[in-house]
Amino acid sequence: MNNLLEKSAFERLELSFGLFSSNEKVWILTDEHGCVMLTTDDEDGVPVWPSDDLAKLWATEDWADCEPMAISLSDFVQKWIPGMEKDGLMLMVCPIPAEEGEVIPPDAFIEYINRA
């Protein structure tokens, strides 16, 4: 985890996909309303992390009552990605408290997974 905290957003993106593939899990944050969504200046999206520990780092202040939830990589690719494409949502890969994650479209998630 500390290794990822010291990396740039792009480096975290690349390393995260290796971890998504090897762990076969994607971590999100949830609250009583469901999946946590983030908004950047231009995009709405779902933050994703390669581990529960990294997701927990984001669960502060407004998100303090959120809990990490694992989704199998196959479910994420088969169910979540098509839903996000339909809803026009992006993915925010491995944001950390001091820095936002890289924002990518759902189809890029598939491309990165296929290369990992």
Protein backbone atom coordinates (compact mmCIF):
# COMPACT_ATOMS: atom_id res chain seq x y z
CA MET A 1 0.00 0.00 0.00
CA ASN A 2 2.73 2.50 0.93
CA ASN A 3 4.29 1.88 -2.46
CA LEU A 4 1.12 3.14 -4.19
CA LEU A 5 0.79 6.16 -1.90
CA GLU A 6 4.13 7.46 -3.12
CA LYS A 7 3.22 7.17 -6.80
CA SER A 8 1.64 9.66 -9.18
CA ALA A 9 -1.98 9.17 -10.24
CA PHE A 10 -0.87 7.64 -13.55
CA GLU A 11 1.57 5.26 -11.85
CA ARG A 12 -1.18 4.23 -9.40
CA LEU A 13 -3.47 3.55 -12.35
CA GLU A 14 -0.96 1.24 -14.01
CA LEU A 15 -0.08 -0.59 -10.80
CA SER A 16 -3.74 -0.91 -9.81
CA PHE A 17 -4.59 -2.89 -12.93
CA GLY A 18 -1.92 -5.46 -12.15
CA LEU A 19 -3.46 -5.81 -8.69
CA PHE A 20 -7.04 -5.96 -10.02
CA SER A 21 -5.96 -8.83 -12.27
CA SER A 22 -3.92 -10.76 -9.73
CA ASN A 23 -6.45 -10.36 -6.88
CA GLU A 24 -9.45 -10.71 -9.21
CA LYS A 25 -11.21 -8.02 -7.14
CA VAL A 26 -12.14 -4.37 -7.45
CA TRP A 27 -12.88 -2.41 -4.29
CA ILE A 28 -15.47 0.36 -4.03
CA LEU A 29 -16.87 2.34 -1.11
CA THR A 30 -20.52 1.96 -0.12
CA ASP A 31 -22.87 3.69 2.29
CA GLU A 32 -26.56 3.29 3.11
CA HIS A 33 -27.43 4.64 -0.36
CA GLY A 34 -25.16 2.27 -2.29
CA CYS A 35 -21.95 2.90 -4.20
CA VAL A 36 -20.10 6.14 -3.48
CA MET A 37 -19.86 8.47 -6.46
CA LEU A 38 -17.37 11.29 -6.97
CA THR A 39 -17.61 14.38 -9.10
CA THR A 40 -14.66 16.14 -10.68
CA ASP A 41 -14.89 19.43 -12.57
CA ASP A 42 -16.16 17.65 -15.67
CA GLU A 43 -17.10 14.08 -14.79
CA ASP A 44 -19.18 11.94 -12.45
CA GLY A 45 -17.78 8.56 -11.63
CA VAL A 46 -17.13 5.62 -9.38
CA PRO A 47 -13.86 5.51 -7.44
CA VAL A 48 -12.20 2.08 -7.46
CA TRP A 49 -9.21 0.73 -5.56
CA PRO A 50 -7.07 -2.41 -5.75
CA SER A 51 -7.37 -3.07 -1.98
CA ASP A 52 -9.68 -2.44 0.95
CA ASP A 53 -6.88 -0.63 2.81
CA LEU A 54 -6.57 1.97 0.04
CA ALA A 55 -10.36 2.39 -0.12
CA LYS A 56 -10.45 2.91 3.67
CA LEU A 57 -7.98 5.81 3.33
CA TRP A 58 -10.62 7.67 1.32
CA ALA A 59 -13.37 6.94 3.89
CA THR A 60 -12.89 10.13 5.92
CA GLU A 61 -14.87 13.33 6.50
CA ASP A 62 -17.97 13.19 4.24
CA TRP A 63 -17.34 9.50 3.60
CA ALA A 64 -16.45 8.48 7.18
CA ASP A 65 -19.38 6.06 7.45
CA CYS A 66 -18.57 4.34 4.16
CA GLU A 67 -17.30 0.78 4.03
CA PRO A 68 -15.08 -0.88 1.41
CA MET A 69 -16.80 -3.57 -0.61
CA ALA A 70 -15.11 -6.10 -2.89
CA ILE A 71 -16.58 -6.91 -6.29
CA SER A 72 -15.21 -9.83 -8.25
CA LEU A 73 -13.36 -8.69 -11.33
CA SER A 74 -15.63 -10.80 -13.54
CA ASP A 75 -18.79 -9.20 -12.08
CA PHE A 76 -17.26 -5.76 -12.40
CA VAL A 77 -16.41 -6.32 -16.07
CA GLN A 78 -19.67 -8.08 -16.98
CA LYS A 79 -22.17 -6.03 -14.95
CA TRP A 80 -20.71 -2.77 -13.68
CA ILE A 81 -18.81 -1.65 -16.77
CA PRO A 82 -21.86 -1.92 -19.11
CA GLY A 83 -24.00 -0.12 -16.52
CA MET A 84 -21.47 2.67 -16.17
CA GLU A 85 -21.25 3.06 -19.95
CA LYS A 86 -25.06 3.26 -20.15
CA ASP A 87 -25.18 5.87 -17.35
CA GLY A 88 -22.30 7.94 -18.75
CA LEU A 89 -20.12 7.42 -15.67
CA MET A 90 -16.35 7.33 -15.50
CA LEU A 91 -13.95 5.41 -13.27
CA MET A 92 -11.63 7.18 -10.87
CA VAL A 93 -8.78 4.75 -10.31
CA CYS A 94 -7.10 4.66 -6.90
CA PRO A 95 -7.68 8.18 -5.56
CA ILE A 96 -5.82 8.85 -2.33
CA PRO A 97 -6.47 11.60 0.22
CA ALA A 98 -3.84 13.96 -1.17
CA GLU A 99 -4.53 13.35 -4.85
CA GLU A 100 -7.33 12.36 -7.19
CA GLY A 101 -7.00 9.21 -9.23
CA GLU A 102 -6.83 9.04 -12.99
CA VAL A 103 -10.27 9.38 -14.58
CA ILE A 104 -10.93 6.87 -17.35
CA PRO A 105 -13.97 5.77 -19.33
CA PRO A 106 -15.36 2.28 -18.67
CA ASP A 107 -14.10 0.87 -21.99
CA ALA A 108 -10.55 1.87 -21.02
CA PHE A 109 -10.91 -0.28 -17.88
CA ILE A 110 -11.41 -3.30 -20.15
CA GLU A 111 -8.36 -2.33 -22.25
CA TYR A 112 -6.16 -1.98 -19.16
CA ILE A 113 -7.37 -5.32 -17.72
CA ASN A 114 -6.65 -7.07 -21.02
CA ARG A 115 -3.08 -5.72 -20.92
CA ALA A 116 -2.45 -6.52 -17.24
